[in-house]
Amino acid sequence: MQVERATAYGERYWEPHLEGTTLHLGGLELDLDALSGPEPRRVLVYARGEEASLEPTDWLVAELLLPARGVEQVQVGEVVYEDEEGGTRVEPVYEARLQPLDLERVVLRLFPLPFEGGAA
């Protein structure tokens, strides 16, 4: 994951921590697998007092940019059809599944906190 800081010297930020595909930021746990999908997605994180929130407030503290995840067709079984002449035909059954999230393409932009205290 790429972390960028919109910075001026001495500003304070929440420190992100990534465990697997769960991003911890300002008290929030963001499941990047659940938030991402076949289209790119932008998730904004705001400060609500000293807590992080996905609900808009006056203070933006982070912008999370998730890349699009590819969709692949995976065979999950077979269907057997019988024709009128007593013969059978077997056809595969496919399911669309999202490819794993490429964490190296995830971008987290951090903006200064509106209060003193950076670690959360």
PDB file of N, CA and C in Angstrom:
ATOM      1  N   MET A   1       0.858  -1.172   0.000  1.00  0.00           N
ATOM      2  CA  MET A   1       0.000   0.000   0.000  1.00  0.00           C
ATOM      3  C   MET A   1       0.902   1.232   0.000  1.00  0.00           C
ATOM      4  N   GLN A   2       0.560   2.164  -0.865  1.00  0.00           N
ATOM      5  CA  GLN A   2       1.306   3.417  -0.927  1.00  0.00           C
ATOM      6  C   GLN A   2       0.642   4.419   0.015  1.00  0.00           C
ATOM      7  N   VAL A   3       1.441   5.058   0.861  1.00  0.00           N
ATOM      8  CA  VAL A   3       0.917   6.070   1.772  1.00  0.00           C
ATOM      9  C   VAL A   3       1.544   7.404   1.385  1.00  0.00           C
ATOM     10  N   GLU A   4       0.681   8.387   1.121  1.00  0.00           N
ATOM     11  CA  GLU A   4       1.134   9.735   0.784  1.00  0.00           C
ATOM     12  C   GLU A   4       0.620  10.692   1.853  1.00  0.00           C
ATOM     13  N   ARG A   5       1.428  11.668   2.184  1.00  0.00           N
ATOM     14  CA  ARG A   5       1.012  12.665   3.176  1.00  0.00           C
ATOM     15  C   ARG A   5       1.010  14.045   2.530  1.00  0.00           C
ATOM     16  N   ALA A   6      -0.158  14.699   2.557  1.00  0.00           N
ATOM     17  CA  ALA A   6      -0.239  16.098   2.136  1.00  0.00           C
ATOM     18  C   ALA A   6       0.329  16.860   3.319  1.00  0.00           C
ATOM     19  N   THR A   7       1.509  17.408   3.150  1.00  0.00           N
ATOM     20  CA  THR A   7       2.243  17.803   4.348  1.00  0.00           C
ATOM     21  C   THR A   7       2.749  19.228   4.361  1.00  0.00           C
ATOM     22  N   ALA A   8       2.829  19.702   5.553  1.00  0.00           N
ATOM     23  CA  ALA A   8       3.604  20.878   5.912  1.00  0.00           C
ATOM     24  C   ALA A   8       4.375  20.417   7.141  1.00  0.00           C
ATOM     25  N   TYR A   9       5.572  20.856   7.312  1.00  0.00           N
ATOM     26  CA  TYR A   9       6.412  20.356   8.397  1.00  0.00           C
ATOM     27  C   TYR A   9       5.709  20.488   9.754  1.00  0.00           C
ATOM     28  N   GLY A  10       5.766  19.417  10.518  1.00  0.00           N
ATOM     29  CA  GLY A  10       5.221  19.450  11.870  1.00  0.00           C
ATOM     30  C   GLY A  10       3.760  19.059  11.977  1.00  0.00           C
ATOM     31  N   GLU A  11       3.094  18.808  10.864  1.00  0.00           N
ATOM     32  CA  GLU A  11       1.683  18.402  10.916  1.00  0.00           C
ATOM     33  C   GLU A  11       1.574  17.008  11.510  1.00  0.00           C
ATOM     34  N   ARG A  12       0.417  16.717  12.072  1.00  0.00           N
ATOM     35  CA  ARG A  12       0.172  15.404  12.668  1.00  0.00           C
ATOM     36  C   ARG A  12      -0.871  14.645  11.846  1.00  0.00           C
ATOM     37  N   TYR A  13      -0.693  13.310  11.796  1.00  0.00           N
ATOM     38  CA  TYR A  13      -1.557  12.435  11.008  1.00  0.00           C
ATOM     39  C   TYR A  13      -1.879  11.201  11.832  1.00  0.00           C
ATOM     40  N   TRP A  14      -2.973  10.547  11.496  1.00  0.00           N
ATOM     41  CA  TRP A  14      -3.197   9.221  12.044  1.00  0.00           C
ATOM     42  C   TRP A  14      -2.250   8.282  11.337  1.00  0.00           C
ATOM     43  N   GLU A  15      -1.676   7.372  12.069  1.00  0.00           N
ATOM     44  CA  GLU A  15      -0.771   6.389  11.476  1.00  0.00           C
ATOM     45  C   GLU A  15      -1.574   5.175  11.027  1.00  0.00           C
ATOM     46  N   PRO A  16      -1.523   4.830   9.755  1.00  0.00           N
ATOM     47  CA  PRO A  16      -2.243   3.656   9.260  1.00  0.00           C
ATOM     48  C   PRO A  16      -1.511   2.376   9.634  1.00  0.00           C
ATOM     49  N   HIS A  17      -2.272   1.324   9.809  1.00  0.00           N
ATOM     50  CA  HIS A  17      -1.710   0.003  10.093  1.00  0.00           C
ATOM     51  C   HIS A  17      -2.504  -1.007   9.285  1.00  0.00           C
ATOM     52  N   LEU A  18      -1.803  -1.810   8.498  1.00  0.00           N
ATOM     53  CA  LEU A  18      -2.455  -2.789   7.633  1.00  0.00           C
ATOM     54  C   LEU A  18      -2.206  -4.189   8.191  1.00  0.00           C
ATOM     55  N   GLU A  19      -3.310  -4.927   8.429  1.00  0.00           N
ATOM     56  CA  GLU A  19      -3.244  -6.332   8.841  1.00  0.00           C
ATOM     57  C   GLU A  19      -3.985  -7.136   7.787  1.00  0.00           C
ATOM     58  N   GLY A  20      -3.237  -7.859   6.961  1.00  0.00           N
ATOM     59  CA  GLY A  20      -3.879  -8.570   5.853  1.00  0.00           C
ATOM     60  C   GLY A  20      -4.495  -7.561   4.912  1.00  0.00           C
ATOM     61  N   THR A  21      -5.824  -7.599   4.771  1.00  0.00           N
ATOM     62  CA  THR A  21      -6.517  -6.605   3.941  1.00  0.00           C
ATOM     63  C   THR A  21      -7.391  -5.696   4.797  1.00  0.00           C
ATOM     64  N   THR A  22      -7.099  -5.612   6.098  1.00  0.00           N
ATOM     65  CA  THR A  22      -7.832  -4.707   6.992  1.00  0.00           C
ATOM     66  C   THR A  22      -6.941  -3.523   7.323  1.00  0.00           C
ATOM     67  N   LEU A  23      -7.441  -2.327   7.014  1.00  0.00           N
ATOM     68  CA  LEU A  23      -6.713  -1.097   7.294  1.00  0.00           C
ATOM     69  C   LEU A  23      -7.251  -0.499   8.586  1.00  0.00           C
ATOM     70  N   HIS A  24      -6.354  -0.254   9.541  1.00  0.00           N
ATOM     71  CA  HIS A  24      -6.709   0.392  10.807  1.00  0.00           C
ATOM     72  C   HIS A  24      -6.268   1.847  10.711  1.00  0.00           C
ATOM     73  N   LEU A  25      -7.210   2.754  10.938  1.00  0.00           N
ATOM     74  CA  LEU A  25      -6.904   4.181  10.830  1.00  0.00           C
ATOM     75  C   LEU A  25      -7.838   4.967  11.748  1.00  0.00           C
ATOM     76  N   GLY A  26      -7.284   5.638  12.714  1.00  0.00           N
ATOM     77  CA  GLY A  26      -8.070   6.506  13.590  1.00  0.00           C
ATOM     78  C   GLY A  26      -9.209   5.805  14.308  1.00  0.00           C
ATOM     79  N   GLY A  27      -9.029   4.551  14.660  1.00  0.00           N
ATOM     80  CA  GLY A  27     -10.083   3.817  15.352  1.00  0.00           C
ATOM     81  C   GLY A  27     -11.009   3.058  14.413  1.00  0.00           C
ATOM     82  N   LEU A  28     -10.922   3.306  13.118  1.00  0.00           N
ATOM     83  CA  LEU A  28     -11.740   2.571  12.140  1.00  0.00           C
ATOM     84  C   LEU A  28     -10.995   1.326  11.680  1.00  0.00           C
ATOM     85  N   GLU A  29     -11.753   0.281  11.388  1.00  0.00           N
ATOM     86  CA  GLU A  29     -11.215  -0.899  10.730  1.00  0.00           C
ATOM     87  C   GLU A  29     -11.912  -0.987   9.382  1.00  0.00           C
ATOM     88  N   LEU A  30     -11.145  -0.816   8.319  1.00  0.00           N
ATOM     89  CA  LEU A  30     -11.703  -0.828   6.975  1.00  0.00           C
ATOM     90  C   LEU A  30     -11.296  -2.115   6.267  1.00  0.00           C
ATOM     91  N   ASP A  31     -12.271  -2.928   5.889  1.00  0.00           N
ATOM     92  CA  ASP A  31     -12.031  -4.175   5.169  1.00  0.00           C
ATOM     93  C   ASP A  31     -11.885  -3.829   3.689  1.00  0.00           C
ATOM     94  N   LEU A  32     -10.654  -3.810   3.217  1.00  0.00           N
ATOM     95  CA  LEU A  32     -10.391  -3.394   1.843  1.00  0.00           C
ATOM     96  C   LEU A  32     -10.984  -4.358   0.823  1.00  0.00           C
ATOM     97  N   ASP A  33     -11.043  -5.657   1.167  1.00  0.00           N
ATOM     98  CA  ASP A  33     -11.690  -6.618   0.271  1.00  0.00           C
ATOM     99  C   ASP A  33     -13.160  -6.284   0.087  1.00  0.00           C
ATOM    100  N   ALA A  34     -13.840  -5.960   1.198  1.00  0.00           N
ATOM    101  CA  ALA A  34     -15.273  -5.661   1.125  1.00  0.00           C
ATOM    102  C   ALA A  34     -15.536  -4.324   0.438  1.00  0.00           C
ATOM    103  N   LEU A  35     -14.642  -3.369   0.594  1.00  0.00           N
ATOM    104  CA  LEU A  35     -14.837  -2.049  -0.005  1.00  0.00           C
ATOM    105  C   LEU A  35     -14.503  -2.009  -1.490  1.00  0.00           C
ATOM    106  N   SER A  36     -13.649  -2.909  -1.941  1.00  0.00           N
ATOM    107  CA  SER A  36     -13.229  -2.881  -3.342  1.00  0.00           C
ATOM    108  C   SER A  36     -14.138  -3.751  -4.192  1.00  0.00           C
ATOM    109  N   GLY A  37     -14.086  -3.520  -5.498  1.00  0.00           N
ATOM    110  CA  GLY A  37     -14.929  -4.276  -6.414  1.00  0.00           C
ATOM    111  C   GLY A  37     -14.410  -4.172  -7.836  1.00  0.00           C
ATOM    112  N   PRO A  38     -15.247  -4.484  -8.809  1.00  0.00           N
ATOM    113  CA  PRO A  38     -14.800  -4.475 -10.201  1.00  0.00           C
ATOM    114  C   PRO A  38     -14.555  -3.069 -10.770  1.00  0.00           C
ATOM    115  N   GLU A  39     -14.988  -2.048 -10.053  1.00  0.00           N
ATOM    116  CA  GLU A  39     -14.745  -0.660 -10.464  1.00  0.00           C
ATOM    117  C   GLU A  39     -13.819   0.000  -9.442  1.00  0.00           C
ATOM    118  N   PRO A  40     -12.973   0.956  -9.851  1.00  0.00           N
ATOM    119  CA  PRO A  40     -12.152   1.679  -8.875  1.00  0.00           C
ATOM    120  C   PRO A  40     -13.056   2.386  -7.867  1.00  0.00           C
ATOM    121  N   ARG A  41     -12.575   2.568  -6.653  1.00  0.00           N
ATOM    122  CA  ARG A  41     -13.405   3.188  -5.621  1.00  0.00           C
ATOM    123  C   ARG A  41     -12.577   4.169  -4.808  1.00  0.00           C
ATOM    124  N   ARG A  42     -13.220   5.252  -4.426  1.00  0.00           N
ATOM    125  CA  ARG A  42     -12.612   6.287  -3.581  1.00  0.00           C
ATOM    126  C   ARG A  42     -13.402   6.330  -2.278  1.00  0.00           C
ATOM    127  N   VAL A  43     -12.700   6.168  -1.158  1.00  0.00           N
ATOM    128  CA  VAL A  43     -13.333   6.192   0.165  1.00  0.00           C
ATOM    129  C   VAL A  43     -12.726   7.351   0.939  1.00  0.00           C
ATOM    130  N   LEU A  44     -13.581   8.227   1.456  1.00  0.00           N
ATOM    131  CA  LEU A  44     -13.117   9.376   2.222  1.00  0.00           C
ATOM    132  C   LEU A  44     -13.300   9.107   3.713  1.00  0.00           C
ATOM    133  N   VAL A  45     -12.288   9.502   4.493  1.00  0.00           N
ATOM    134  CA  VAL A  45     -12.331   9.341   5.949  1.00  0.00           C
ATOM    135  C   VAL A  45     -12.234  10.729   6.558  1.00  0.00           C
ATOM    136  N   TYR A  46     -13.120  11.002   7.511  1.00  0.00           N
ATOM    137  CA  TYR A  46     -13.207  12.312   8.147  1.00  0.00           C
ATOM    138  C   TYR A  46     -12.887  12.206   9.627  1.00  0.00           C
ATOM    139  N   ALA A  47     -12.566  13.353  10.237  1.00  0.00           N
ATOM    140  CA  ALA A  47     -12.377  13.409  11.688  1.00  0.00           C
ATOM    141  C   ALA A  47     -13.689  13.849  12.314  1.00  0.00           C
ATOM    142  N   ARG A  48     -14.117  13.113  13.325  1.00  0.00           N
ATOM    143  CA  ARG A  48     -15.278  13.480  14.135  1.00  0.00           C
ATOM    144  C   ARG A  48     -14.755  13.527  15.562  1.00  0.00           C
ATOM    145  N   GLY A  49     -14.368  14.736  15.988  1.00  0.00           N
ATOM    146  CA  GLY A  49     -13.648  14.848  17.249  1.00  0.00           C
ATOM    147  C   GLY A  49     -12.289  14.198  17.063  1.00  0.00           C
ATOM    148  N   GLU A  50     -11.944  13.283  17.944  1.00  0.00           N
ATOM    149  CA  GLU A  50     -10.666  12.585  17.818  1.00  0.00           C
ATOM    150  C   GLU A  50     -10.831  11.191  17.231  1.00  0.00           C
ATOM    151  N   GLU A  51     -11.990  10.890  16.676  1.00  0.00           N
ATOM    152  CA  GLU A  51     -12.270   9.593  16.066  1.00  0.00           C
ATOM    153  C   GLU A  51     -12.376   9.746  14.547  1.00  0.00           C
ATOM    154  N   ALA A  52     -12.098   8.674  13.849  1.00  0.00           N
ATOM    155  CA  ALA A  52     -12.285   8.655  12.399  1.00  0.00           C
ATOM    156  C   ALA A  52     -13.721   8.251  12.091  1.00  0.00           C
ATOM    157  N   SER A  53     -14.236   8.748  10.967  1.00  0.00           N
ATOM    158  CA  SER A  53     -15.610   8.455  10.574  1.00  0.00           C
ATOM    159  C   SER A  53     -15.713   8.442   9.053  1.00  0.00           C
ATOM    160  N   LEU A  54     -16.635   7.638   8.554  1.00  0.00           N
ATOM    161  CA  LEU A  54     -16.927   7.662   7.116  1.00  0.00           C
ATOM    162  C   LEU A  54     -18.044   8.646   6.810  1.00  0.00           C
ATOM    163  N   GLU A  55     -18.685   9.162   7.869  1.00  0.00           N
ATOM    164  CA  GLU A  55     -19.722  10.178   7.706  1.00  0.00           C
ATOM    165  C   GLU A  55     -19.061  11.534   7.484  1.00  0.00           C
ATOM    166  N   PRO A  56     -19.496  12.278   6.472  1.00  0.00           N
ATOM    167  CA  PRO A  56     -18.861  13.571   6.181  1.00  0.00           C
ATOM    168  C   PRO A  56     -18.920  14.552   7.347  1.00  0.00           C
ATOM    169  N   THR A  57     -17.788  15.196   7.591  1.00  0.00           N
ATOM    170  CA  THR A  57     -17.693  16.299   8.555  1.00  0.00           C
ATOM    171  C   THR A  57     -16.932  17.416   7.851  1.00  0.00           C
ATOM    172  N   ASP A  58     -16.555  18.436   8.594  1.00  0.00           N
ATOM    173  CA  ASP A  58     -15.812  19.546   8.009  1.00  0.00           C
ATOM    174  C   ASP A  58     -14.328  19.249   7.820  1.00  0.00           C
ATOM    175  N   TRP A  59     -13.852  18.097   8.317  1.00  0.00           N
ATOM    176  CA  TRP A  59     -12.416  17.858   8.279  1.00  0.00           C
ATOM    177  C   TRP A  59     -12.084  16.511   7.636  1.00  0.00           C
ATOM    178  N   LEU A  60     -11.564  16.566   6.402  1.00  0.00           N
ATOM    179  CA  LEU A  60     -11.124  15.372   5.687  1.00  0.00           C
ATOM    180  C   LEU A  60      -9.733  15.003   6.183  1.00  0.00           C
ATOM    181  N   VAL A  61      -9.537  13.735   6.603  1.00  0.00           N
ATOM    182  CA  VAL A  61      -8.230  13.320   7.101  1.00  0.00           C
ATOM    183  C   VAL A  61      -7.568  12.247   6.240  1.00  0.00           C
ATOM    184  N   ALA A  62      -8.338  11.593   5.377  1.00  0.00           N
ATOM    185  CA  ALA A  62      -7.730  10.574   4.518  1.00  0.00           C
ATOM    186  C   ALA A  62      -8.595  10.310   3.296  1.00  0.00           C
ATOM    187  N   GLU A  63      -7.919   9.946   2.230  1.00  0.00           N
ATOM    188  CA  GLU A  63      -8.573   9.538   0.990  1.00  0.00           C
ATOM    189  C   GLU A  63      -7.963   8.189   0.610  1.00  0.00           C
ATOM    190  N   LEU A  64      -8.805   7.186   0.494  1.00  0.00           N
ATOM    191  CA  LEU A  64      -8.374   5.840   0.162  1.00  0.00           C
ATOM    192  C   LEU A  64      -8.788   5.555  -1.276  1.00  0.00           C
ATOM    193  N   LEU A  65      -7.814   5.220  -2.124  1.00  0.00           N
ATOM    194  CA  LEU A  65      -8.078   4.935  -3.529  1.00  0.00           C
ATOM    195  C   LEU A  65      -7.847   3.441  -3.768  1.00  0.00           C
ATOM    196  N   LEU A  66      -8.929   2.752  -4.082  1.00  0.00           N
ATOM    197  CA  LEU A  66      -8.870   1.313  -4.301  1.00  0.00           C
ATOM    198  C   LEU A  66      -8.936   1.015  -5.792  1.00  0.00           C
ATOM    199  N   PRO A  67      -8.023   0.188  -6.297  1.00  0.00           N
ATOM    200  CA  PRO A  67      -8.040  -0.138  -7.725  1.00  0.00           C
ATOM    201  C   PRO A  67      -9.185  -1.098  -8.044  1.00  0.00           C
ATOM    202  N   ALA A  68      -9.545  -1.144  -9.312  1.00  0.00           N
ATOM    203  CA  ALA A  68     -10.540  -2.121  -9.765  1.00  0.00           C
ATOM    204  C   ALA A  68      -9.954  -3.522  -9.617  1.00  0.00           C
ATOM    205  N   ARG A  69     -10.812  -4.456  -9.246  1.00  0.00           N
ATOM    206  CA  ARG A  69     -10.393  -5.858  -9.160  1.00  0.00           C
ATOM    207  C   ARG A  69     -10.954  -6.589 -10.369  1.00  0.00           C
ATOM    208  N   GLY A  70     -10.124  -7.400 -10.987  1.00  0.00           N
ATOM    209  CA  GLY A  70     -10.570  -8.175 -12.136  1.00  0.00           C
ATOM    210  C   GLY A  70     -11.607  -9.213 -11.730  1.00  0.00           C
ATOM    211  N   VAL A  71     -12.400  -9.621 -12.702  1.00  0.00           N
ATOM    212  CA  VAL A  71     -13.413 -10.658 -12.479  1.00  0.00           C
ATOM    213  C   VAL A  71     -13.001 -11.867 -13.298  1.00  0.00           C
ATOM    214  N   GLU A  72     -13.017 -13.031 -12.664  1.00  0.00           N
ATOM    215  CA  GLU A  72     -12.671 -14.258 -13.375  1.00  0.00           C
ATOM    216  C   GLU A  72     -13.822 -15.249 -13.282  1.00  0.00           C
ATOM    217  N   GLN A  73     -13.934 -16.076 -14.306  1.00  0.00           N
ATOM    218  CA  GLN A  73     -14.950 -17.126 -14.324  1.00  0.00           C
ATOM    219  C   GLN A  73     -14.319 -18.404 -13.776  1.00  0.00           C
ATOM    220  N   VAL A  74     -14.921 -18.937 -12.717  1.00  0.00           N
ATOM    221  CA  VAL A  74     -14.397 -20.136 -12.063  1.00  0.00           C
ATOM    222  C   VAL A  74     -15.435 -21.241 -12.195  1.00  0.00           C
ATOM    223  N   GLN A  75     -14.977 -22.405 -12.640  1.00  0.00           N
ATOM    224  CA  GLN A  75     -15.905 -23.538 -12.753  1.00  0.00           C
ATOM    225  C   GLN A  75     -16.237 -24.044 -11.363  1.00  0.00           C
ATOM    226  N   VAL A  76     -17.550 -24.131 -11.070  1.00  0.00           N
ATOM    227  CA  VAL A  76     -17.996 -24.560  -9.743  1.00  0.00           C
ATOM    228  C   VAL A  76     -18.784 -25.864  -9.785  1.00  0.00           C
ATOM    229  N   GLY A  77     -18.970 -26.417 -10.949  1.00  0.00           N
ATOM    230  CA  GLY A  77     -19.709 -27.669 -11.048  1.00  0.00           C
ATOM    231  C   GLY A  77     -20.070 -27.982 -12.477  1.00  0.00           C
ATOM    232  N   GLU A  78     -21.001 -28.929 -12.600  1.00  0.00           N
ATOM    233  CA  GLU A  78     -21.464 -29.336 -13.924  1.00  0.00           C
ATOM    234  C   GLU A  78     -22.968 -29.556 -13.881  1.00  0.00           C
ATOM    235  N   VAL A  79     -23.609 -29.394 -15.038  1.00  0.00           N
ATOM    236  CA  VAL A  79     -25.033 -29.679 -15.185  1.00  0.00           C
ATOM    237  C   VAL A  79     -25.155 -30.766 -16.250  1.00  0.00           C
ATOM    238  N   VAL A  80     -25.977 -31.759 -15.944  1.00  0.00           N
ATOM    239  CA  VAL A  80     -26.187 -32.866 -16.884  1.00  0.00           C
ATOM    240  C   VAL A  80     -27.567 -32.691 -17.508  1.00  0.00           C
ATOM    241  N   TYR A  81     -27.602 -32.644 -18.814  1.00  0.00           N
ATOM    242  CA  TYR A  81     -28.861 -32.530 -19.558  1.00  0.00           C
ATOM    243  C   TYR A  81     -29.135 -33.844 -20.280  1.00  0.00           C
ATOM    244  N   GLU A  82     -30.400 -34.225 -20.288  1.00  0.00           N
ATOM    245  CA  GLU A  82     -30.807 -35.400 -21.076  1.00  0.00           C
ATOM    246  C   GLU A  82     -31.580 -34.906 -22.288  1.00  0.00           C
ATOM    247  N   ASP A  83     -31.224 -35.438 -23.434  1.00  0.00           N
ATOM    248  CA  ASP A  83     -31.954 -35.043 -24.637  1.00  0.00           C
ATOM    249  C   ASP A  83     -33.100 -36.020 -24.881  1.00  0.00           C
ATOM    250  N   GLU A  84     -33.887 -35.743 -25.889  1.00  0.00           N
ATOM    251  CA  GLU A  84     -35.087 -36.546 -26.180  1.00  0.00           C
ATOM    252  C   GLU A  84     -34.766 -37.981 -26.582  1.00  0.00           C
ATOM    253  N   GLU A  85     -33.563 -38.212 -27.040  1.00  0.00           N
ATOM    254  CA  GLU A  85     -33.181 -39.542 -27.498  1.00  0.00           C
ATOM    255  C   GLU A  85     -32.535 -40.376 -26.403  1.00  0.00           C
ATOM    256  N   GLY A  86     -32.536 -39.872 -25.169  1.00  0.00           N
ATOM    257  CA  GLY A  86     -31.963 -40.618 -24.054  1.00  0.00           C
ATOM    258  C   GLY A  86     -30.486 -40.389 -23.837  1.00  0.00           C
ATOM    259  N   GLY A  87     -29.884 -39.565 -24.649  1.00  0.00           N
ATOM    260  CA  GLY A  87     -28.465 -39.240 -24.472  1.00  0.00           C
ATOM    261  C   GLY A  87     -28.289 -38.166 -23.415  1.00  0.00           C
ATOM    262  N   THR A  88     -27.102 -38.019 -22.936  1.00  0.00           N
ATOM    263  CA  THR A  88     -26.822 -36.975 -21.945  1.00  0.00           C
ATOM    264  C   THR A  88     -25.741 -36.043 -22.466  1.00  0.00           C
ATOM    265  N   ARG A  89     -25.808 -34.848 -21.968  1.00  0.00           N
ATOM    266  CA  ARG A  89     -24.824 -33.828 -22.311  1.00  0.00           C
ATOM    267  C   ARG A  89     -24.417 -33.148 -21.003  1.00  0.00           C
ATOM    268  N   VAL A  90     -23.140 -33.014 -20.778  1.00  0.00           N
ATOM    269  CA  VAL A  90     -22.616 -32.389 -19.558  1.00  0.00           C
ATOM    270  C   VAL A  90     -22.025 -31.034 -19.930  1.00  0.00           C
ATOM    271  N   GLU A  91     -22.464 -30.004 -19.201  1.00  0.00           N
ATOM    272  CA  GLU A  91     -21.923 -28.659 -19.426  1.00  0.00           C
ATOM    273  C   GLU A  91     -21.418 -28.097 -18.107  1.00  0.00           C
ATOM    274  N   PRO A  92     -20.291 -27.406 -18.150  1.00  0.00           N
ATOM    275  CA  PRO A  92     -19.755 -26.823 -16.916  1.00  0.00           C
ATOM    276  C   PRO A  92     -20.610 -25.638 -16.455  1.00  0.00           C
ATOM    277  N   VAL A  93     -20.595 -25.398 -15.139  1.00  0.00           N
ATOM    278  CA  VAL A  93     -21.267 -24.245 -14.536  1.00  0.00           C
ATOM    279  C   VAL A  93     -20.170 -23.332 -13.997  1.00  0.00           C
ATOM    280  N   TYR A  94     -20.256 -22.062 -14.355  1.00  0.00           N
ATOM    281  CA  TYR A  94     -19.241 -21.091 -13.946  1.00  0.00           C
ATOM    282  C   TYR A  94     -19.838 -20.056 -13.006  1.00  0.00           C
ATOM    283  N   GLU A  95     -18.969 -19.492 -12.173  1.00  0.00           N
ATOM    284  CA  GLU A  95     -19.364 -18.430 -11.256  1.00  0.00           C
ATOM    285  C   GLU A  95     -18.346 -17.300 -11.412  1.00  0.00           C
ATOM    286  N   ALA A  96     -18.823 -16.067 -11.424  1.00  0.00           N
ATOM    287  CA  ALA A  96     -17.923 -14.916 -11.506  1.00  0.00           C
ATOM    288  C   ALA A  96     -17.401 -14.607 -10.105  1.00  0.00           C
ATOM    289  N   ARG A  97     -16.090 -14.480  -9.988  1.00  0.00           N
ATOM    290  CA  ARG A  97     -15.459 -14.159  -8.702  1.00  0.00           C
ATOM    291  C   ARG A  97     -14.451 -13.040  -8.917  1.00  0.00           C
ATOM    292  N   LEU A  98     -14.340 -12.190  -7.905  1.00  0.00           N
ATOM    293  CA  LEU A  98     -13.352 -11.119  -7.962  1.00  0.00           C
ATOM    294  C   LEU A  98     -11.961 -11.684  -7.724  1.00  0.00           C
ATOM    295  N   GLN A  99     -11.005 -11.179  -8.473  1.00  0.00           N
ATOM    296  CA  GLN A  99      -9.613 -11.554  -8.238  1.00  0.00           C
ATOM    297  C   GLN A  99      -9.157 -10.894  -6.936  1.00  0.00           C
ATOM    298  N   PRO A 100      -8.106 -11.420  -6.329  1.00  0.00           N
ATOM    299  CA  PRO A 100      -7.611 -10.827  -5.079  1.00  0.00           C
ATOM    300  C   PRO A 100      -7.224  -9.359  -5.281  1.00  0.00           C
ATOM    301  N   LEU A 101      -7.381  -8.581  -4.230  1.00  0.00           N
ATOM    302  CA  LEU A 101      -7.019  -7.169  -4.254  1.00  0.00           C
ATOM    303  C   LEU A 101      -5.501  -7.037  -4.307  1.00  0.00           C
ATOM    304  N   ASP A 102      -5.003  -6.223  -5.228  1.00  0.00           N
ATOM    305  CA  ASP A 102      -3.571  -5.946  -5.343  1.00  0.00           C
ATOM    306  C   ASP A 102      -3.241  -4.802  -4.385  1.00  0.00           C
ATOM    307  N   LEU A 103      -2.765  -5.154  -3.192  1.00  0.00           N
ATOM    308  CA  LEU A 103      -2.505  -4.145  -2.161  1.00  0.00           C
ATOM    309  C   LEU A 103      -1.430  -3.139  -2.576  1.00  0.00           C
ATOM    310  N   GLU A 104      -0.558  -3.514  -3.489  1.00  0.00           N
ATOM    311  CA  GLU A 104       0.483  -2.591  -3.944  1.00  0.00           C
ATOM    312  C   GLU A 104      -0.101  -1.427  -4.746  1.00  0.00           C
ATOM    313  N   ARG A 105      -1.314  -1.589  -5.256  1.00  0.00           N
ATOM    314  CA  ARG A 105      -1.952  -0.526  -6.038  1.00  0.00           C
ATOM    315  C   ARG A 105      -2.911   0.329  -5.210  1.00  0.00           C
ATOM    316  N   VAL A 106      -3.073  -0.010  -3.929  1.00  0.00           N
ATOM    317  CA  VAL A 106      -3.931   0.787  -3.041  1.00  0.00           C
ATOM    318  C   VAL A 106      -3.151   2.028  -2.623  1.00  0.00           C
ATOM    319  N   VAL A 107      -3.816   3.186  -2.692  1.00  0.00           N
ATOM    320  CA  VAL A 107      -3.183   4.450  -2.307  1.00  0.00           C
ATOM    321  C   VAL A 107      -3.973   5.051  -1.156  1.00  0.00           C
ATOM    322  N   LEU A 108      -3.259   5.451  -0.104  1.00  0.00           N
ATOM    323  CA  LEU A 108      -3.862   6.139   1.037  1.00  0.00           C
ATOM    324  C   LEU A 108      -3.216   7.511   1.145  1.00  0.00           C
ATOM    325  N   ARG A 109      -4.023   8.551   0.967  1.00  0.00           N
ATOM    326  CA  ARG A 109      -3.537   9.926   1.110  1.00  0.00           C
ATOM    327  C   ARG A 109      -3.995  10.439   2.468  1.00  0.00           C
ATOM    328  N   LEU A 110      -3.038  10.880   3.265  1.00  0.00           N
ATOM    329  CA  LEU A 110      -3.350  11.390   4.597  1.00  0.00           C
ATOM    330  C   LEU A 110      -3.268  12.911   4.599  1.00  0.00           C
ATOM    331  N   PHE A 111      -4.199  13.529   5.311  1.00  0.00           N
ATOM    332  CA  PHE A 111      -4.232  14.973   5.460  1.00  0.00           C
ATOM    333  C   PHE A 111      -4.067  15.300   6.944  1.00  0.00           C
ATOM    334  N   PRO A 112      -3.541  16.483   7.280  1.00  0.00           N
ATOM    335  CA  PRO A 112      -3.283  16.813   8.687  1.00  0.00           C
ATOM    336  C   PRO A 112      -4.548  16.726   9.543  1.00  0.00           C
ATOM    337  N   LEU A 113      -4.327  16.311  10.798  1.00  0.00           N
ATOM    338  CA  LEU A 113      -5.425  16.228  11.761  1.00  0.00           C
ATOM    339  C   LEU A 113      -5.791  17.614  12.266  1.00  0.00           C
ATOM    340  N   PRO A 114      -7.066  17.804  12.641  1.00  0.00           N
ATOM    341  CA  PRO A 114      -7.501  19.111  13.136  1.00  0.00           C
ATOM    342  C   PRO A 114      -7.206  19.313  14.621  1.00  0.00           C
ATOM    343  N   PHE A 115      -6.510  18.373  15.245  1.00  0.00           N
ATOM    344  CA  PHE A 115      -6.232  18.462  16.684  1.00  0.00           C
ATOM    345  C   PHE A 115      -4.871  17.875  16.943  1.00  0.00           C
ATOM    346  N   GLU A 116      -4.346  18.049  18.130  1.00  0.00           N
ATOM    347  CA  GLU A 116      -3.047  17.478  18.512  1.00  0.00           C
ATOM    348  C   GLU A 116      -3.227  16.015  18.850  1.00  0.00           C
ATOM    349  N   GLY A 117      -2.285  15.214  18.442  1.00  0.00           N
ATOM    350  CA  GLY A 117      -2.333  13.772  18.746  1.00  0.00           C
ATOM    351  C   GLY A 117      -2.429  13.001  17.457  1.00  0.00           C
ATOM    352  N   GLY A 118      -1.404  12.208  17.154  1.00  0.00           N
ATOM    353  CA  GLY A 118      -1.382  11.566  15.856  1.00  0.00           C
ATOM    354  C   GLY A 118      -1.626  10.077  15.856  1.00  0.00           C
ATOM    355  N   ALA A 119      -1.206   9.371  16.856  1.00  0.00           N
ATOM    356  CA  ALA A 119      -1.330   7.910  16.818  1.00  0.00           C
ATOM    357  C   ALA A 119      -2.722   7.493  17.221  1.00  0.00           C
ATOM    358  N   ALA A 120      -3.320   6.651  16.400  1.00  0.00           N
ATOM    359  CA  ALA A 120      -4.650   6.110  16.738  1.00  0.00           C
ATOM    360  C   ALA A 120      -4.807   4.773  16.074  1.00  0.00           C
TER     361      ALA A 120
END
